[in-house]
N, C-alpha and C. Protein backbone atom coordinates (compact mmCIF):
# COMPACT_ATOMS: atom_id res chain seq x y z
N ILE A 1 39.89 73.02 32.92
CA ILE A 1 41.03 72.83 32.02
C ILE A 1 42.11 72.09 32.78
N ILE A 2 42.64 71.08 32.15
CA ILE A 2 43.72 70.29 32.75
C ILE A 2 45.04 70.92 32.35
N ARG A 3 45.87 71.20 33.33
CA ARG A 3 47.20 71.71 33.03
C ARG A 3 48.09 70.55 32.63
N GLN A 4 48.54 70.57 31.40
CA GLN A 4 49.34 69.47 30.87
C GLN A 4 50.62 69.28 31.67
N THR A 5 51.10 70.31 32.33
CA THR A 5 52.34 70.18 33.10
C THR A 5 52.18 69.23 34.29
N ASN A 6 50.94 69.01 34.75
CA ASN A 6 50.72 68.11 35.88
C ASN A 6 50.57 66.65 35.47
N LEU A 7 50.44 66.40 34.19
CA LEU A 7 50.18 65.05 33.71
C LEU A 7 51.22 64.63 32.69
N ASN A 8 51.45 63.34 32.64
CA ASN A 8 52.29 62.78 31.61
C ASN A 8 51.42 62.32 30.46
N ARG A 9 51.95 62.36 29.26
CA ARG A 9 51.19 61.85 28.10
C ARG A 9 50.89 60.38 28.31
N GLY A 10 49.72 59.97 27.88
CA GLY A 10 49.33 58.58 28.00
C GLY A 10 48.92 58.17 29.40
N GLU A 11 48.69 59.15 30.27
CA GLU A 11 48.26 58.87 31.65
C GLU A 11 46.91 58.15 31.62
N VAL A 12 46.74 57.15 32.46
CA VAL A 12 45.51 56.36 32.51
C VAL A 12 44.80 56.64 33.83
N PHE A 13 43.47 56.83 33.73
CA PHE A 13 42.66 57.09 34.91
C PHE A 13 41.48 56.13 34.94
N ASN A 14 41.16 55.62 36.12
CA ASN A 14 39.92 54.87 36.32
C ASN A 14 38.82 55.88 36.60
N ILE A 15 37.73 55.75 35.88
CA ILE A 15 36.59 56.62 36.08
C ILE A 15 35.40 55.74 36.42
N GLY A 16 34.73 56.04 37.49
CA GLY A 16 33.59 55.26 37.94
C GLY A 16 33.02 55.89 39.18
N THR A 17 32.24 55.13 39.90
CA THR A 17 31.60 55.66 41.11
C THR A 17 32.34 55.29 42.38
N SER A 18 33.29 54.40 42.26
CA SER A 18 34.02 53.82 43.40
C SER A 18 33.12 52.96 44.27
N LYS A 19 31.96 52.58 43.74
CA LYS A 19 31.04 51.68 44.45
C LYS A 19 30.82 50.44 43.60
N ASP A 20 30.63 49.31 44.26
CA ASP A 20 30.38 48.06 43.55
C ASP A 20 28.94 47.98 43.06
N ILE A 21 28.77 47.39 41.88
CA ILE A 21 27.45 46.98 41.41
C ILE A 21 27.68 45.70 40.61
N SER A 22 26.93 44.69 40.93
CA SER A 22 27.09 43.42 40.22
C SER A 22 26.42 43.52 38.86
N ILE A 23 26.88 42.70 37.93
CA ILE A 23 26.24 42.64 36.62
C ILE A 23 24.78 42.23 36.77
N LYS A 24 24.52 41.31 37.71
CA LYS A 24 23.15 40.88 37.96
C LYS A 24 22.27 42.05 38.38
N ASN A 25 22.76 42.88 39.31
CA ASN A 25 21.98 44.03 39.76
C ASN A 25 21.88 45.11 38.68
N LEU A 26 22.92 45.27 37.89
CA LEU A 26 22.89 46.22 36.79
C LEU A 26 21.82 45.80 35.78
N ALA A 27 21.79 44.51 35.43
CA ALA A 27 20.78 43.99 34.51
C ALA A 27 19.38 44.18 35.08
N LYS A 28 19.23 43.97 36.39
CA LYS A 28 17.94 44.15 37.04
C LYS A 28 17.47 45.60 36.94
N GLU A 29 18.38 46.55 37.17
CA GLU A 29 18.06 47.98 37.06
C GLU A 29 17.59 48.33 35.65
N ILE A 30 18.31 47.82 34.66
CA ILE A 30 17.96 48.11 33.26
C ILE A 30 16.62 47.48 32.92
N LYS A 31 16.40 46.25 33.34
CA LYS A 31 15.14 45.55 33.07
C LYS A 31 13.96 46.31 33.67
N GLU A 32 14.11 46.82 34.90
CA GLU A 32 13.03 47.56 35.55
C GLU A 32 12.74 48.87 34.83
N LEU A 33 13.79 49.56 34.38
CA LEU A 33 13.57 50.80 33.64
C LEU A 33 12.88 50.55 32.30
N LEU A 34 13.24 49.47 31.64
CA LEU A 34 12.58 49.14 30.37
C LEU A 34 11.13 48.76 30.60
N ARG A 35 10.88 48.01 31.67
CA ARG A 35 9.51 47.59 31.98
C ARG A 35 8.60 48.81 32.19
N GLU A 36 9.14 49.87 32.76
CA GLU A 36 8.37 51.11 32.95
C GLU A 36 7.89 51.68 31.62
N ASN A 37 8.56 51.30 30.53
CA ASN A 37 8.19 51.77 29.19
C ASN A 37 7.50 50.68 28.38
N GLY A 38 7.03 49.63 29.06
CA GLY A 38 6.29 48.58 28.41
C GLY A 38 7.14 47.62 27.61
N ILE A 39 8.43 47.56 27.88
CA ILE A 39 9.33 46.69 27.15
C ILE A 39 9.79 45.58 28.08
N GLU A 40 9.52 44.34 27.68
CA GLU A 40 9.99 43.21 28.47
C GLU A 40 11.34 42.76 27.93
N SER A 41 12.28 42.65 28.80
CA SER A 41 13.65 42.30 28.43
C SER A 41 13.94 40.87 28.85
N LEU A 42 14.56 40.11 27.97
CA LEU A 42 14.97 38.75 28.29
C LEU A 42 16.48 38.73 28.51
N HIS A 43 16.91 37.96 29.46
CA HIS A 43 18.35 37.81 29.67
C HIS A 43 18.64 36.37 30.08
N THR A 44 19.86 35.97 29.85
CA THR A 44 20.29 34.61 30.14
C THR A 44 21.49 34.66 31.06
N TYR A 45 21.46 33.85 32.11
CA TYR A 45 22.60 33.76 33.01
C TYR A 45 23.54 32.68 32.50
N ILE A 46 24.83 32.95 32.59
CA ILE A 46 25.83 31.94 32.26
C ILE A 46 26.81 31.85 33.43
N ASP A 47 27.51 30.73 33.52
CA ASP A 47 28.51 30.57 34.56
C ASP A 47 29.66 31.54 34.34
N ALA A 48 30.32 31.89 35.43
CA ALA A 48 31.50 32.76 35.32
C ALA A 48 32.55 32.10 34.43
N ARG A 49 33.22 32.91 33.66
CA ARG A 49 34.28 32.40 32.78
C ARG A 49 35.59 32.35 33.53
N PRO A 50 36.48 31.45 33.15
CA PRO A 50 37.80 31.37 33.82
C PRO A 50 38.52 32.71 33.76
N GLY A 51 39.03 33.14 34.90
CA GLY A 51 39.78 34.38 34.96
C GLY A 51 38.92 35.63 35.10
N GLU A 52 37.61 35.47 35.07
CA GLU A 52 36.72 36.63 35.17
C GLU A 52 36.73 37.16 36.60
N ALA A 53 36.81 38.47 36.74
CA ALA A 53 36.83 39.11 38.07
C ALA A 53 35.48 38.91 38.75
N ARG A 54 35.52 38.56 40.02
CA ARG A 54 34.29 38.40 40.80
C ARG A 54 33.72 39.75 41.19
N GLN A 55 34.60 40.68 41.49
CA GLN A 55 34.17 42.03 41.85
C GLN A 55 35.11 43.03 41.19
N THR A 56 34.56 44.13 40.77
CA THR A 56 35.39 45.21 40.24
C THR A 56 34.89 46.52 40.83
N ARG A 57 35.80 47.42 41.01
CA ARG A 57 35.45 48.75 41.51
C ARG A 57 36.55 49.69 41.03
N ALA A 58 36.15 50.77 40.40
CA ALA A 58 37.13 51.74 39.92
C ALA A 58 37.78 52.44 41.11
N ASP A 59 39.10 52.47 41.11
CA ASP A 59 39.83 53.26 42.10
C ASP A 59 40.02 54.65 41.50
N ILE A 60 39.19 55.58 41.94
CA ILE A 60 39.17 56.91 41.34
C ILE A 60 40.10 57.90 42.05
N SER A 61 40.91 57.42 42.99
CA SER A 61 41.74 58.33 43.79
C SER A 61 42.71 59.15 42.92
N LYS A 62 43.25 58.56 41.87
CA LYS A 62 44.18 59.28 41.00
C LYS A 62 43.45 60.42 40.27
N ALA A 63 42.26 60.15 39.76
CA ALA A 63 41.48 61.18 39.07
C ALA A 63 41.07 62.28 40.04
N GLU A 64 40.74 61.88 41.26
CA GLU A 64 40.37 62.89 42.28
C GLU A 64 41.56 63.80 42.56
N LYS A 65 42.73 63.21 42.72
CA LYS A 65 43.92 63.96 43.09
C LYS A 65 44.44 64.84 41.96
N LEU A 66 44.62 64.25 40.79
CA LEU A 66 45.26 64.99 39.70
C LEU A 66 44.30 65.83 38.86
N LEU A 67 43.05 65.39 38.77
CA LEU A 67 42.07 66.11 37.94
C LEU A 67 41.03 66.86 38.76
N ASN A 68 41.08 66.66 40.07
CA ASN A 68 40.06 67.22 40.95
C ASN A 68 38.67 66.76 40.48
N TRP A 69 38.56 65.47 40.14
CA TRP A 69 37.34 64.90 39.59
C TRP A 69 36.63 64.05 40.63
N LYS A 70 35.31 64.15 40.62
CA LYS A 70 34.46 63.30 41.46
C LYS A 70 33.23 62.92 40.63
N PRO A 71 32.66 61.75 40.88
CA PRO A 71 31.43 61.38 40.17
C PRO A 71 30.33 62.39 40.47
N SER A 72 29.53 62.70 39.45
CA SER A 72 28.48 63.70 39.65
C SER A 72 27.07 63.14 39.48
N ILE A 73 26.94 61.88 39.05
CA ILE A 73 25.62 61.26 38.93
C ILE A 73 25.68 59.85 39.49
N PHE A 74 24.54 59.36 39.94
CA PHE A 74 24.42 57.99 40.42
C PHE A 74 24.22 57.05 39.24
N ILE A 75 24.53 55.78 39.43
CA ILE A 75 24.41 54.79 38.36
C ILE A 75 23.00 54.75 37.79
N GLN A 76 21.98 54.85 38.64
CA GLN A 76 20.60 54.80 38.17
C GLN A 76 20.30 55.97 37.23
N GLU A 77 20.83 57.14 37.54
CA GLU A 77 20.61 58.31 36.68
C GLU A 77 21.30 58.10 35.32
N GLY A 78 22.51 57.58 35.34
CA GLY A 78 23.23 57.32 34.10
C GLY A 78 22.52 56.29 33.24
N ILE A 79 22.00 55.24 33.88
CA ILE A 79 21.24 54.23 33.14
C ILE A 79 19.98 54.86 32.54
N GLY A 80 19.33 55.71 33.31
CA GLY A 80 18.13 56.39 32.82
C GLY A 80 18.42 57.25 31.61
N GLN A 81 19.56 57.94 31.61
CA GLN A 81 19.93 58.76 30.46
C GLN A 81 20.19 57.88 29.24
N GLN A 82 20.86 56.77 29.43
CA GLN A 82 21.11 55.85 28.32
C GLN A 82 19.80 55.25 27.82
N LYS A 83 18.88 54.95 28.75
CA LYS A 83 17.59 54.39 28.37
C LYS A 83 16.87 55.32 27.41
N GLU A 84 16.83 56.60 27.74
CA GLU A 84 16.15 57.58 26.88
C GLU A 84 16.77 57.61 25.49
N TYR A 85 18.08 57.56 25.42
CA TYR A 85 18.79 57.56 24.14
C TYR A 85 18.39 56.34 23.30
N TYR A 86 18.44 55.15 23.91
CA TYR A 86 18.15 53.94 23.16
C TYR A 86 16.68 53.80 22.81
N LEU A 87 15.78 54.24 23.68
CA LEU A 87 14.36 54.21 23.35
C LEU A 87 14.09 55.05 22.11
N LYS A 88 14.70 56.22 22.06
CA LYS A 88 14.52 57.10 20.91
C LYS A 88 15.19 56.50 19.67
N LYS A 89 16.41 56.00 19.82
CA LYS A 89 17.16 55.45 18.69
C LYS A 89 16.43 54.29 18.03
N TYR A 90 15.82 53.42 18.83
CA TYR A 90 15.17 52.23 18.29
C TYR A 90 13.66 52.38 18.13
N GLY A 91 13.17 53.63 18.18
CA GLY A 91 11.78 53.91 17.82
C GLY A 91 10.74 53.59 18.87
N TYR A 92 11.13 53.48 20.14
CA TYR A 92 10.14 53.23 21.18
C TYR A 92 9.51 54.53 21.66
N LYS A 93 10.10 55.65 21.31
CA LYS A 93 9.57 56.97 21.71
C LYS A 93 9.50 57.86 20.52
């Protein structure tokens, strides 16, 4: 339970793993998980758009400090959970 007295309304928190993963590697992870289920995924690379961040990483220090929060699963596990949901939703399972 979060004590409202410690937080201001409208407080914003970054939630993530605090580790970098490129979109290219994220797509590769998803493609490999789908392939394990006999689904071939197609993707197209495009050039970076103007103003697009080259790297992003959530700074979770505020959430750690004020919410006593830490990531509890790895990105691969989270992708796997989403995979199961979408396979079921779209009739692959």
